[in-house]
């Protein structure tokens, strides 16, 4: 039979295991800052996507209801379509969409460069005879 103090100690140990550790080093700070900026940036992109989607819809209705004589003062069909497409994509994708596009760009750059990165240290350069 467990005693009350043993049960309390066991419950405290289990609670300590479920709590995150509080690390006060630069790596943890920067990692947490990166995660938080990605969250806020993703939410901002989603908000801007929703605004673009709504504005594209407004311009679409405005263009469809416009007088043909004032057609020169309105947005083009391409602009309206891009607002709706990009606004919808950002509104639903946010940070994930931008990160995937960025990783595709990284892959393209690596493919164009042959996929290899040459790194030489100063000691390798000095011992190779390039500088004497």
C-alpha atoms as a PDB file:
ATOM      1  CA  UNK A   1       0.000   0.000   0.000  1.00  0.00           C
ATOM      2  CA  UNK A   2       1.424   3.363  -0.978  1.00  0.00           C
ATOM      3  CA  UNK A   3       1.535   6.162   1.495  1.00  0.00           C
ATOM      4  CA  UNK A   4       0.259   9.652   0.826  1.00  0.00           C
ATOM      5  CA  UNK A   5       3.721  11.199   0.620  1.00  0.00           C
ATOM      6  CA  UNK A   6       4.871   8.483  -1.833  1.00  0.00           C
ATOM      7  CA  UNK A   7       1.842   9.125  -4.051  1.00  0.00           C
ATOM      8  CA  UNK A   8       2.508  12.867  -3.956  1.00  0.00           C
ATOM      9  CA  UNK A   9       6.161  12.334  -4.869  1.00  0.00           C
ATOM     10  CA  UNK A  10       5.167  10.044  -7.748  1.00  0.00           C
ATOM     11  CA  UNK A  11       2.606  12.564  -9.033  1.00  0.00           C
ATOM     12  CA  UNK A  12       5.189  15.358  -8.814  1.00  0.00           C
ATOM     13  CA  UNK A  13       7.739  13.293 -10.740  1.00  0.00           C
ATOM     14  CA  UNK A  14       5.197  12.577 -13.490  1.00  0.00           C
ATOM     15  CA  UNK A  15       4.241  16.265 -13.662  1.00  0.00           C
ATOM     16  CA  UNK A  16       7.895  17.289 -13.974  1.00  0.00           C
ATOM     17  CA  UNK A  17       8.376  14.859 -16.860  1.00  0.00           C
ATOM     18  CA  UNK A  18       5.451  16.372 -18.782  1.00  0.00           C
ATOM     19  CA  UNK A  19       6.650  19.955 -18.360  1.00  0.00           C
ATOM     20  CA  UNK A  20       8.999  21.373 -20.982  1.00  0.00           C
ATOM     21  CA  UNK A  21      12.518  22.114 -19.894  1.00  0.00           C
ATOM     22  CA  UNK A  22      13.451  25.750 -19.607  1.00  0.00           C
ATOM     23  CA  UNK A  23      16.743  26.132 -21.404  1.00  0.00           C
ATOM     24  CA  UNK A  24      18.340  29.564 -21.189  1.00  0.00           C
ATOM     25  CA  UNK A  25      20.911  29.329 -23.932  1.00  0.00           C
ATOM     26  CA  UNK A  26      21.293  31.146 -27.235  1.00  0.00           C
ATOM     27  CA  UNK A  27      20.382  28.103 -29.340  1.00  0.00           C
ATOM     28  CA  UNK A  28      17.062  27.614 -27.553  1.00  0.00           C
ATOM     29  CA  UNK A  29      16.297  31.324 -27.766  1.00  0.00           C
ATOM     30  CA  UNK A  30      16.954  31.475 -31.511  1.00  0.00           C
ATOM     31  CA  UNK A  31      15.074  28.240 -32.135  1.00  0.00           C
ATOM     32  CA  UNK A  32      12.054  29.519 -30.222  1.00  0.00           C
ATOM     33  CA  UNK A  33      12.286  32.898 -31.975  1.00  0.00           C
ATOM     34  CA  UNK A  34      12.350  31.171 -35.381  1.00  0.00           C
ATOM     35  CA  UNK A  35       9.287  29.095 -34.511  1.00  0.00           C
ATOM     36  CA  UNK A  36       7.396  32.132 -33.224  1.00  0.00           C
ATOM     37  CA  UNK A  37       8.277  34.274 -36.259  1.00  0.00           C
ATOM     38  CA  UNK A  38       7.160  31.461 -38.567  1.00  0.00           C
ATOM     39  CA  UNK A  39       3.851  31.277 -36.709  1.00  0.00           C
ATOM     40  CA  UNK A  40       3.257  35.039 -36.802  1.00  0.00           C
ATOM     41  CA  UNK A  41       4.466  35.331 -40.397  1.00  0.00           C
ATOM     42  CA  UNK A  42       2.208  32.480 -41.478  1.00  0.00           C
ATOM     43  CA  UNK A  43      -0.780  34.098 -39.817  1.00  0.00           C
ATOM     44  CA  UNK A  44       0.046  37.438 -41.452  1.00  0.00           C
ATOM     45  CA  UNK A  45       0.308  35.757 -44.860  1.00  0.00           C
ATOM     46  CA  UNK A  46      -3.036  34.054 -44.301  1.00  0.00           C
ATOM     47  CA  UNK A  47      -4.602  37.387 -43.356  1.00  0.00           C
ATOM     48  CA  UNK A  48      -3.173  39.077 -46.453  1.00  0.00           C
ATOM     49  CA  UNK A  49      -4.400  36.153 -48.558  1.00  0.00           C
ATOM     50  CA  UNK A  50      -7.911  36.596 -47.206  1.00  0.00           C
ATOM     51  CA  UNK A  51      -7.752  40.332 -47.946  1.00  0.00           C
ATOM     52  CA  UNK A  52      -6.549  39.640 -51.503  1.00  0.00           C
ATOM     53  CA  UNK A  53      -9.311  37.098 -52.022  1.00  0.00           C
ATOM     54  CA  UNK A  54     -11.998  39.514 -50.836  1.00  0.00           C
ATOM     55  CA  UNK A  55     -10.569  42.414 -52.854  1.00  0.00           C
ATOM     56  CA  UNK A  56     -10.367  40.223 -55.961  1.00  0.00           C
ATOM     57  CA  UNK A  57     -14.026  39.306 -55.506  1.00  0.00           C
ATOM     58  CA  UNK A  58     -14.978  42.965 -55.114  1.00  0.00           C
ATOM     59  CA  UNK A  59     -13.082  43.918 -58.270  1.00  0.00           C
ATOM     60  CA  UNK A  60     -14.663  41.015 -60.159  1.00  0.00           C
ATOM     61  CA  UNK A  61     -18.195  42.115 -59.270  1.00  0.00           C
ATOM     62  CA  UNK A  62     -17.296  45.735 -60.009  1.00  0.00           C
ATOM     63  CA  UNK A  63     -15.919  44.779 -63.440  1.00  0.00           C
ATOM     64  CA  UNK A  64     -18.939  42.651 -64.297  1.00  0.00           C
ATOM     65  CA  UNK A  65     -21.357  45.415 -63.321  1.00  0.00           C
ATOM     66  CA  UNK A  66     -19.414  48.291 -64.895  1.00  0.00           C
ATOM     67  CA  UNK A  67     -20.436  50.526 -67.720  1.00  0.00           C
ATOM     68  CA  UNK A  68     -18.460  49.637 -70.898  1.00  0.00           C
ATOM     69  CA  UNK A  69     -17.438  53.300 -71.272  1.00  0.00           C
ATOM     70  CA  UNK A  70     -15.497  53.225 -67.974  1.00  0.00           C
ATOM     71  CA  UNK A  71     -13.662  49.969 -68.732  1.00  0.00           C
ATOM     72  CA  UNK A  72     -10.332  51.789 -69.059  1.00  0.00           C
ATOM     73  CA  UNK A  73     -10.401  52.834 -65.398  1.00  0.00           C
ATOM     74  CA  UNK A  74     -10.789  49.327 -64.016  1.00  0.00           C
ATOM     75  CA  UNK A  75      -8.465  46.473 -63.149  1.00  0.00           C
ATOM     76  CA  UNK A  76      -7.685  43.949 -65.857  1.00  0.00           C
ATOM     77  CA  UNK A  77      -9.035  40.400 -65.886  1.00  0.00           C
ATOM     78  CA  UNK A  78      -5.516  39.096 -65.263  1.00  0.00           C
ATOM     79  CA  UNK A  79      -5.097  41.203 -62.143  1.00  0.00           C
ATOM     80  CA  UNK A  80      -8.449  40.047 -60.798  1.00  0.00           C
ATOM     81  CA  UNK A  81      -7.653  36.395 -61.519  1.00  0.00           C
ATOM     82  CA  UNK A  82      -4.232  36.666 -59.854  1.00  0.00           C
ATOM     83  CA  UNK A  83      -5.726  38.349 -56.789  1.00  0.00           C
ATOM     84  CA  UNK A  84      -8.226  35.527 -56.406  1.00  0.00           C
ATOM     85  CA  UNK A  85      -5.716  32.731 -57.081  1.00  0.00           C
ATOM     86  CA  UNK A  86      -2.841  34.065 -54.984  1.00  0.00           C
ATOM     87  CA  UNK A  87      -5.185  35.286 -52.247  1.00  0.00           C
ATOM     88  CA  UNK A  88      -6.815  31.868 -52.012  1.00  0.00           C
ATOM     89  CA  UNK A  89      -3.472  30.080 -52.015  1.00  0.00           C
ATOM     90  CA  UNK A  90      -2.009  32.296 -49.286  1.00  0.00           C
ATOM     91  CA  UNK A  91      -5.238  32.267 -47.306  1.00  0.00           C
ATOM     92  CA  UNK A  92      -5.204  28.501 -47.039  1.00  0.00           C
ATOM     93  CA  UNK A  93      -1.461  27.789 -47.225  1.00  0.00           C
ATOM     94  CA  UNK A  94       0.222  30.599 -45.324  1.00  0.00           C
ATOM     95  CA  UNK A  95       3.751  29.778 -44.195  1.00  0.00           C
ATOM     96  CA  UNK A  96       3.593  26.221 -45.525  1.00  0.00           C
ATOM     97  CA  UNK A  97       2.993  27.418 -49.081  1.00  0.00           C
ATOM     98  CA  UNK A  98       5.804  29.971 -48.978  1.00  0.00           C
ATOM     99  CA  UNK A  99       8.206  27.447 -47.430  1.00  0.00           C
ATOM    100  CA  UNK A 100       7.427  24.893 -50.155  1.00  0.00           C
ATOM    101  CA  UNK A 101       7.983  27.483 -52.881  1.00  0.00           C
ATOM    102  CA  UNK A 102      11.256  28.471 -51.228  1.00  0.00           C
ATOM    103  CA  UNK A 103      12.449  24.883 -50.971  1.00  0.00           C
ATOM    104  CA  UNK A 104      11.646  24.430 -54.664  1.00  0.00           C
ATOM    105  CA  UNK A 105      13.809  27.452 -55.405  1.00  0.00           C
ATOM    106  CA  UNK A 106      16.613  25.982 -53.331  1.00  0.00           C
ATOM    107  CA  UNK A 107      16.409  22.735 -55.278  1.00  0.00           C
ATOM    108  CA  UNK A 108      16.540  24.657 -58.573  1.00  0.00           C
ATOM    109  CA  UNK A 109      19.626  26.581 -57.479  1.00  0.00           C
ATOM    110  CA  UNK A 110      21.339  23.362 -56.396  1.00  0.00           C
ATOM    111  CA  UNK A 111      20.462  21.708 -59.715  1.00  0.00           C
ATOM    112  CA  UNK A 112      21.816  24.675 -61.682  1.00  0.00           C
ATOM    113  CA  UNK A 113      25.027  24.605 -59.715  1.00  0.00           C
ATOM    114  CA  UNK A 114      25.551  20.895 -60.195  1.00  0.00           C
ATOM    115  CA  UNK A 115      24.415  20.091 -56.671  1.00  0.00           C
ATOM    116  CA  UNK A 116      27.859  20.461 -55.168  1.00  0.00           C
ATOM    117  CA  UNK A 117      29.244  23.128 -52.949  1.00  0.00           C
ATOM    118  CA  UNK A 118      33.021  23.396 -52.721  1.00  0.00           C
ATOM    119  CA  UNK A 119      34.253  24.501 -49.340  1.00  0.00           C
ATOM    120  CA  UNK A 120      37.919  25.087 -48.759  1.00  0.00           C
ATOM    121  CA  UNK A 121      39.346  26.025 -45.444  1.00  0.00           C
ATOM    122  CA  UNK A 122      42.137  28.564 -45.103  1.00  0.00           C
ATOM    123  CA  UNK A 123      44.632  25.830 -44.190  1.00  0.00           C
ATOM    124  CA  UNK A 124      43.779  23.890 -47.377  1.00  0.00           C
ATOM    125  CA  UNK A 125      44.266  26.999 -49.497  1.00  0.00           C
ATOM    126  CA  UNK A 126      47.576  27.878 -47.853  1.00  0.00           C
ATOM    127  CA  UNK A 127      48.973  24.327 -48.105  1.00  0.00           C
ATOM    128  CA  UNK A 128      47.881  23.814 -51.703  1.00  0.00           C
ATOM    129  CA  UNK A 129      50.499  26.251 -52.923  1.00  0.00           C
ATOM    130  CA  UNK A 130      48.076  28.812 -54.332  1.00  0.00           C
ATOM    131  CA  UNK A 131      49.607  31.626 -52.267  1.00  0.00           C
ATOM    132  CA  UNK A 132      53.193  30.571 -52.268  1.00  0.00           C
END
